[in-house]
């Protein structure tokens, strides 16, 4: 889940084009059985309960090295056939930090997100078995980094579990801006109700208030998000969210500091719902995480190559 989602003020929704046809071609609903269920409508489209509580101490996450490879069910490309990304800079933002659980005072301090002030960061969610979102996002980010560097891109990470907590949401945005990134992708997993399944990509709304001005990045960010949603569905065989986005796999928000403060194209990818057992089974699979990274990498590549 986005690390600054908890105090949602308002949300803008929009429509997209083309994704439904691509999803139908892959037959992705066969993998996520429930993808055609009626939409749930939690107040913020996010988690219920208390996903920010520390995970069970006895939990043992699935082994997660970035070297796992797997064939993909869709039309994902391989590094040998993918277009070169030489000369392009991509910033990857692994959502949350495992150390946040031990630094509640620091992450609860509020920072400016352009339109208001929000907590510096949160712990993120976890599966019922205790596999944390922070562990998931770092693993997928490592896999994604390797795929992109193999294509020649310069990849910058906002953090690499190399600091005790954070970084704060405003700092994460600044890292992408300072790198003059061609694309920034923040990797997450949602923490919604059981039965809510599937992935979605969060796009920046048009915001021009306080120190936030997303006017120049709304268009390119949407293009980036649409490409990622399409390729993610192809690579993983999974369906878009059945609880928000009206089946498009896209959601537009104006309350996330990581988007509001960005001056370069940026999106968040919510790879699935950690609180749903069926989605959790996918998210804890190393082979599936490799496919997720492949889909995101393919989406970024098709966006950057036009």
Foldseek 3Di string as FASTA:
>chain_A
DAFFQPDADDFDADADDDQVVLLVVLLLCVQVVLLQPAADCDPRLFADDCQQAAFDPPFDFFDFALPDEDAFSFDFDALVPFAAPAPAEEEEEQAWACLCNVVVVQQQDWDDLQARIGGQGTRQGAANSRHGFSNLSLRLVVNLVVRNVSSNYHYHYLDNNPDNTDRGLLSSQVVCVVVVHQEYEYETAGAYAASWKAKAKEAEDQDDHGQFGCPVQRVLLVLLRQLLSSLLCRGQSHFATNHDNVRSRYTYGHRGSNRRNHPHRYMYMHGIHSHHVSRVVLSSDNNSSSSNSSSSSRSNSVSSVD
